[in-house]
Protein backbone atom coordinates (compact mmCIF):
# COMPACT_ATOMS: atom_id res chain seq x y z
CA MET A 1 6.39 82.13 37.46
CA LYS A 2 8.87 80.08 35.42
CA ARG A 3 9.51 76.56 36.72
CA ILE A 4 12.88 74.84 36.54
CA LEU A 5 14.10 71.36 37.50
CA ILE A 6 17.71 71.19 38.70
CA THR A 7 19.20 67.70 39.07
CA GLY A 8 22.20 67.24 41.32
CA ALA A 9 20.63 70.02 43.39
CA ALA A 10 22.40 69.12 46.64
CA GLY A 11 25.83 69.14 45.00
CA PHE A 12 28.38 71.92 44.70
CA LEU A 13 27.22 73.57 41.47
CA GLY A 14 23.63 72.36 41.72
CA SER A 15 23.05 74.07 45.06
CA HIS A 16 24.47 77.37 43.80
CA LEU A 17 22.22 77.10 40.74
CA CYS A 18 19.20 76.60 43.02
CA ASP A 19 20.14 79.80 44.86
CA ARG A 20 20.57 81.75 41.63
CA PHE A 21 17.30 80.74 40.02
CA ILE A 22 15.31 81.33 43.20
CA ALA A 23 16.87 84.79 43.37
CA GLU A 24 15.79 85.35 39.76
CA GLY A 25 12.17 84.60 40.67
CA TYR A 26 11.85 81.00 39.46
CA TYR A 27 10.03 78.11 41.13
CA VAL A 28 12.78 75.53 41.62
CA TYR A 29 12.41 71.77 41.80
CA GLY A 30 15.62 70.31 43.21
CA MET A 31 16.35 66.63 42.60
CA ASP A 32 19.20 64.54 44.03
CA ASN A 33 19.75 60.94 45.15
CA LEU A 34 22.40 62.21 47.63
CA ILE A 35 25.03 59.69 46.49
CA THR A 36 27.55 62.56 46.48
CA GLY A 37 25.33 65.54 47.30
CA ASP A 38 24.68 66.91 50.78
CA LEU A 39 21.38 68.30 52.07
CA LYS A 40 23.37 70.85 54.11
CA ASN A 41 23.97 72.69 50.82
CA ILE A 42 20.27 73.37 50.31
CA GLU A 43 18.69 73.15 53.77
CA HIS A 44 18.35 76.94 53.82
CA LEU A 45 15.91 76.61 50.89
CA PHE A 46 13.45 74.21 52.51
CA LYS A 47 11.57 77.03 54.24
CA LEU A 48 10.82 78.76 50.93
CA ASP A 49 7.52 78.46 49.06
CA THR A 50 9.41 78.54 45.75
CA PHE A 51 11.55 75.44 46.36
CA GLU A 52 10.59 71.78 46.33
CA PHE A 53 12.98 68.86 46.82
CA TYR A 54 12.73 65.38 45.32
CA HIS A 55 14.98 62.64 46.71
CA HIS A 56 15.23 60.65 43.50
CA ASP A 57 17.71 58.84 41.23
CA VAL A 58 17.45 60.19 37.68
CA THR A 59 18.56 56.86 36.20
CA LYS A 60 15.02 55.75 37.07
CA PHE A 61 11.90 57.25 35.46
CA VAL A 62 11.64 60.97 36.26
CA HIS A 63 8.27 62.63 36.84
CA VAL A 64 7.58 66.23 37.82
CA PRO A 65 3.92 67.29 37.94
CA GLY A 66 2.58 70.23 35.98
CA LYS A 67 4.33 72.83 33.87
CA LEU A 68 8.10 72.84 33.45
CA ASP A 69 9.96 75.52 31.51
CA TYR A 70 13.60 74.53 31.99
CA ILE A 71 15.75 71.59 33.09
CA LEU A 72 19.36 71.78 34.27
CA HIS A 73 20.98 68.33 34.35
CA PHE A 74 23.82 68.47 36.87
CA ALA A 75 23.44 65.03 38.42
CA SER A 76 26.76 63.17 38.18
CA PRO A 77 29.78 62.26 40.26
CA ALA A 78 32.36 64.84 39.23
CA SER A 79 35.62 64.01 40.97
CA PRO A 80 38.20 61.23 40.59
CA ILE A 81 37.48 59.83 44.06
CA ASP A 82 33.78 59.54 43.22
CA TYR A 83 33.86 58.11 39.74
CA LEU A 84 36.62 55.62 40.55
CA LYS A 85 34.58 54.46 43.53
CA ILE A 86 31.21 54.30 41.71
CA PRO A 87 32.04 53.82 38.01
CA ILE A 88 28.80 52.08 37.02
CA GLN A 89 26.62 54.76 38.60
CA THR A 90 28.71 57.39 36.83
CA LEU A 91 28.07 55.80 33.45
CA LYS A 92 24.38 55.28 34.19
CA VAL A 93 23.67 58.87 35.21
CA GLY A 94 25.36 60.11 32.04
CA ALA A 95 23.47 57.67 29.81
CA LEU A 96 20.17 56.57 31.38
CA GLY A 97 19.77 59.72 33.45
CA THR A 98 20.33 62.01 30.49
CA HIS A 99 17.95 59.93 28.34
CA ASN A 100 15.24 60.18 31.02
CA LEU A 101 15.63 63.94 31.35
CA LEU A 102 15.67 64.54 27.60
CA GLY A 103 12.42 62.55 27.44
CA LEU A 104 10.96 64.68 30.23
CA ALA A 105 12.02 67.87 28.44
CA LYS A 106 10.38 66.63 25.23
CA ASP A 107 7.17 65.74 27.08
CA LYS A 108 7.02 69.12 28.86
CA GLY A 109 8.21 71.24 25.95
CA ALA A 110 11.02 72.46 28.22
CA ARG A 111 14.47 73.75 27.31
CA ILE A 112 17.22 71.56 28.80
CA LEU A 113 20.82 72.44 29.62
CA ILE A 114 23.26 69.56 30.01
CA ALA A 115 26.35 69.90 32.23
CA SER A 116 29.28 68.53 30.28
CA THR A 117 32.93 68.95 31.20
CA SER A 118 36.40 69.81 29.97
CA GLU A 119 37.15 66.11 30.50
CA VAL A 120 35.61 65.44 27.07
CA TYR A 121 38.93 66.79 25.77
CA GLY A 122 40.85 64.14 27.71
CA ASP A 123 44.62 64.73 27.81
CA PRO A 124 44.50 67.40 25.11
CA GLN A 125 46.87 67.71 22.19
CA VAL A 126 45.41 71.15 21.37
CA HIS A 127 46.04 74.06 23.71
CA PRO A 128 44.05 75.99 24.75
CA GLN A 129 41.01 73.82 24.13
CA THR A 130 38.39 75.12 21.70
CA GLU A 131 34.90 73.67 21.33
CA GLU A 132 35.88 72.32 17.89
CA TYR A 133 38.57 70.03 19.38
CA TYR A 134 37.38 66.40 19.46
CA GLY A 135 39.62 65.35 22.33
CA ASN A 136 42.17 62.66 23.23
CA VAL A 137 40.38 60.21 25.52
CA ASN A 138 41.26 56.69 26.68
CA THR A 139 37.85 54.99 26.49
CA ILE A 140 38.90 52.00 28.63
CA GLY A 141 41.07 53.78 31.21
CA PRO A 142 39.92 54.38 34.80
CA ARG A 143 38.82 57.93 33.94
CA GLY A 144 36.93 56.72 30.87
CA VAL A 145 33.76 56.09 32.86
CA TYR A 146 33.40 59.83 33.45
CA ASP A 147 34.86 61.08 30.17
CA GLU A 148 32.74 58.78 28.00
CA ALA A 149 29.59 59.33 30.07
CA LYS A 150 29.89 63.03 29.32
CA ARG A 151 30.75 62.50 25.64
CA PHE A 152 27.70 60.23 25.23
CA GLN A 153 25.64 62.83 27.08
CA GLU A 154 26.57 65.42 24.49
CA SER A 155 25.82 63.04 21.60
CA ILE A 156 22.34 62.05 22.75
CA THR A 157 21.53 65.67 23.58
CA MET A 158 22.40 66.79 20.07
CA ALA A 159 20.43 63.83 18.65
CA TYR A 160 17.32 65.00 20.52
CA HIS A 161 17.98 68.52 19.31
CA ARG A 162 18.32 67.51 15.66
CA PHE A 163 15.73 64.71 15.50
CA HIS A 164 13.03 66.03 17.86
CA GLY A 165 13.72 69.75 17.58
CA LEU A 166 14.26 69.91 21.35
CA GLU A 167 15.68 73.15 22.72
CA THR A 168 19.04 72.07 24.18
CA ARG A 169 22.11 73.76 25.63
CA ILE A 170 25.48 72.16 26.50
CA VAL A 171 28.00 73.73 28.88
CA ARG A 172 31.55 72.38 29.05
CA ILE A 173 32.62 73.19 32.59
CA PHE A 174 36.30 73.70 33.39
CA ASN A 175 37.77 73.44 36.91
CA THR A 176 35.46 75.37 39.24
CA TYR A 177 35.91 76.07 42.95
CA GLY A 178 34.28 77.84 45.85
CA PRO A 179 32.17 77.30 48.99
CA ARG A 180 30.30 73.96 49.28
CA MET A 181 33.02 71.89 47.66
CA ARG A 182 33.66 68.66 49.57
CA LEU A 183 37.04 68.36 51.23
CA ASN A 184 37.25 64.64 50.42
CA ASP A 185 36.35 64.65 46.75
CA GLY A 186 39.89 64.28 45.41
CA ARG A 187 40.03 67.53 43.44
CA VAL A 188 43.01 69.83 43.68
CA ILE A 189 41.67 72.75 45.69
CA PRO A 190 39.80 70.91 48.48
CA ALA A 191 42.64 68.38 48.72
CA PHE A 192 45.26 71.10 49.21
CA MET A 193 43.13 73.12 51.61
CA GLY A 194 42.20 70.07 53.66
CA GLN A 195 45.85 69.12 54.01
CA ALA A 196 46.84 72.68 54.96
CA LEU A 197 44.10 72.91 57.59
CA ARG A 198 45.14 69.57 59.08
CA GLY A 199 48.82 70.59 59.13
CA GLU A 200 49.81 67.97 56.54
CA ASP A 201 52.28 68.34 53.70
CA LEU A 202 50.66 69.11 50.33
CA THR A 203 50.55 66.21 47.86
CA VAL A 204 51.34 67.00 44.23
CA PHE A 205 50.98 64.23 41.65
CA GLY A 206 53.62 63.95 38.95
CA ASP A 207 56.23 66.72 38.67
CA GLY A 208 53.68 69.45 39.36
CA LEU A 209 54.21 71.06 35.97
CA GLN A 210 50.80 70.02 34.70
CA THR A 211 48.42 72.98 34.47
CA ARG A 212 44.87 73.81 35.46
CA SER A 213 42.69 76.90 35.06
CA PHE A 214 40.42 77.62 38.04
CA CYS A 215 37.08 79.45 37.79
CA TYR A 216 35.29 80.82 40.85
CA VAL A 217 31.79 79.43 41.33
CA ASP A 218 29.96 82.79 41.00
CA ASP A 219 31.49 83.29 37.55
CA GLN A 220 30.61 79.75 36.53
CA ILE A 221 26.97 80.14 37.62
CA GLU A 222 26.68 83.41 35.69
CA GLY A 223 27.97 81.73 32.53
CA ILE A 224 25.54 78.83 32.89
CA TYR A 225 22.65 81.22 33.50
CA ARG A 226 23.45 83.20 30.37
CA LEU A 227 23.86 80.07 28.27
CA LEU A 228 20.48 78.67 29.33
CA LEU A 229 18.73 81.87 28.25
CA SER A 230 20.71 82.20 25.02
CA ASP A 231 19.83 80.90 21.55
CA TYR A 232 23.03 78.86 21.19
CA SER A 233 22.60 75.06 21.00
CA LEU A 234 26.18 73.81 20.46
CA PRO A 235 28.64 73.13 23.31
CA ILE A 236 30.31 76.15 24.86
CA ASN A 237 33.29 76.38 27.24
CA ILE A 238 32.76 78.12 30.56
CA GLY A 239 35.93 78.48 32.61
CA ASN A 240 38.74 80.81 33.57
CA PRO A 241 41.57 80.93 31.00
CA HIS A 242 44.25 82.00 33.51
CA GLU A 243 46.49 78.92 33.66
CA ILE A 244 48.79 77.89 36.52
CA THR A 245 50.99 74.85 37.23
CA ILE A 246 49.93 72.61 40.11
CA LYS A 247 53.30 73.17 41.81
CA ASP A 248 52.88 76.96 41.70
CA PHE A 249 49.31 76.59 42.89
CA ALA A 250 50.39 74.49 45.88
CA GLU A 251 52.83 77.26 46.80
CA GLU A 252 49.96 79.79 46.56
CA ILE A 253 47.92 77.67 48.99
CA ILE A 254 50.79 77.52 51.49
CA LYS A 255 51.11 81.31 51.31
CA LEU A 256 47.34 81.82 51.62
CA THR A 257 46.96 79.55 54.65
CA GLY A 258 50.07 80.87 56.39
CA THR A 259 51.34 77.35 56.98
CA ASP A 260 54.86 75.99 56.60
CA GLN A 261 54.10 72.63 55.01
CA LYS A 262 56.32 71.09 52.39
CA ILE A 263 55.23 69.84 48.97
CA ILE A 264 55.58 66.08 48.49
CA TYR A 265 55.33 64.31 45.16
CA LYS A 266 53.55 61.09 44.17
CA PRO A 267 53.11 59.30 40.82
CA LEU A 268 50.72 60.90 38.33
CA PRO A 269 47.37 59.04 38.02
CA LYS A 270 46.74 57.25 34.72
CA ASP A 271 45.40 59.53 31.95
CA ASP A 272 45.54 62.62 34.16
CA PRO A 273 45.53 65.63 31.78
CA LEU A 274 48.81 67.51 31.55
CA GLN A 275 47.21 70.75 30.35
CA ARG A 276 43.84 72.33 30.89
CA GLN A 277 42.94 75.81 29.65
CA PRO A 278 39.66 76.89 28.05
CA ASP A 279 39.37 79.00 24.95
CA ILE A 280 36.39 81.19 25.93
CA SER A 281 36.12 83.17 22.70
CA LYS A 282 32.62 81.81 22.05
CA ALA A 283 31.43 82.62 25.58
CA LYS A 284 32.68 86.19 25.18
CA GLU A 285 31.13 86.65 21.74
CA ILE A 286 27.83 84.81 22.17
CA LEU A 287 27.07 85.26 25.87
CA GLY A 288 28.98 88.44 26.64
CA TRP A 289 30.57 86.47 29.47
CA GLU A 290 34.03 86.26 30.96
CA PRO A 291 35.18 85.58 34.54
CA LYS A 292 35.34 88.54 36.90
CA VAL A 293 36.66 87.05 40.16
CA GLY A 294 40.44 86.80 40.39
CA ARG A 295 42.07 83.72 41.88
CA GLU A 296 43.38 85.60 44.94
CA GLU A 297 39.89 86.86 45.85
CA GLY A 298 38.15 83.58 45.07
CA MET A 299 40.67 81.45 46.96
CA LYS A 300 40.34 83.62 50.08
CA LYS A 301 36.57 83.16 50.06
CA THR A 302 36.98 79.42 49.58
CA TYR A 303 39.59 79.14 52.35
CA ASP A 304 37.35 81.09 54.74
CA TYR A 305 34.55 78.58 54.01
CA PHE A 306 36.74 75.54 54.67
CA ARG A 307 38.20 77.11 57.80
CA MET A 308 34.68 77.33 59.27
CA LEU A 309 34.22 73.57 59.04
CA SER A 310 34.31 71.68 62.32
CA LYS A 311 37.33 69.71 63.48
CA GLU A 312 35.33 66.49 62.97
CA ASP A 313 34.66 67.44 59.34
CA LEU A 314 38.39 67.88 58.77
CA GLU A 315 39.35 64.64 60.52
CA LYS A 316 36.95 62.53 58.49
CA THR A 317 38.13 64.02 55.20
CA GLU A 318 41.75 62.98 55.30
CA HIS A 319 43.48 63.17 51.91
CA ARG A 320 43.00 60.08 49.77
CA ASP A 321 45.49 58.86 47.21
CA PHE A 322 43.31 58.12 44.18
CA THR A 323 46.17 56.78 42.04
CA THR A 324 45.31 53.25 43.13
CA ARG A 325 41.74 53.67 44.32
CA ASN A 326 39.94 51.83 41.55
CA LYS A 327 37.55 49.85 43.74
CA PRO A 328 35.16 50.79 46.57
């Protein structure tokens, strides 16, 4: 039985990855310090003989006993609310955490896949974004703690690959959505759906003409799975190339939820990207991957998940304006 360590296991993507690899017959070690993760996402796995959970911070020394074949490093705050609230921890998990896990992979002779992000492209001047684009990032802006943590993560991963011959994979994840997202994490989809479910007007930042490309979680997990098992060591984009403006997307949410809210506008946060669309040519060619779930289908599944949340969950996840939230 292959053994895999998944960090950030109680988070949105991490928990879905745990499900996938258990379904594929792996023994899964899940690791999370629960700073943004939630045990509810993985509690259904605790009864299994093929799952083991470690409550641990990867910025400290990481030890897993015995054989280890693969590591997936998904431990990191991943939303504006989180990394503006805990900027130091965000930098540390990208730097110290990645260093610790690369060292563990080297010690175990394991292949490691690092979760990077489309944020390495910053506010892009190339559209759509290819893996060869170096990005346009403000290193000292409020978003820099996340952007630079991920850029450093890629650099040290490639250094281990080139210097130590470590088997490494790097996935650049574009906007992904689906069940188990947190309503209060500041990202577009949970923010809109939370407001709709609470009967609030939908908040759009800027003029709403900025674009995003949304990938359903099942497609994202499939792309990550294929990349891990591939022979490709350079970064690769995994995302849905179908682009939409935030204003049009807000109108889609109002139609989906059957509500009659208005759209209200607030100032655009500093360094917020104006365009985001992946070029997935490499994923198609190398992995034979492209997204299968359309936005209408994926959004209905996501809305059904959020609608099942309790009233208390909705009340404690009121929308937060992260334009000025730079301190805890």
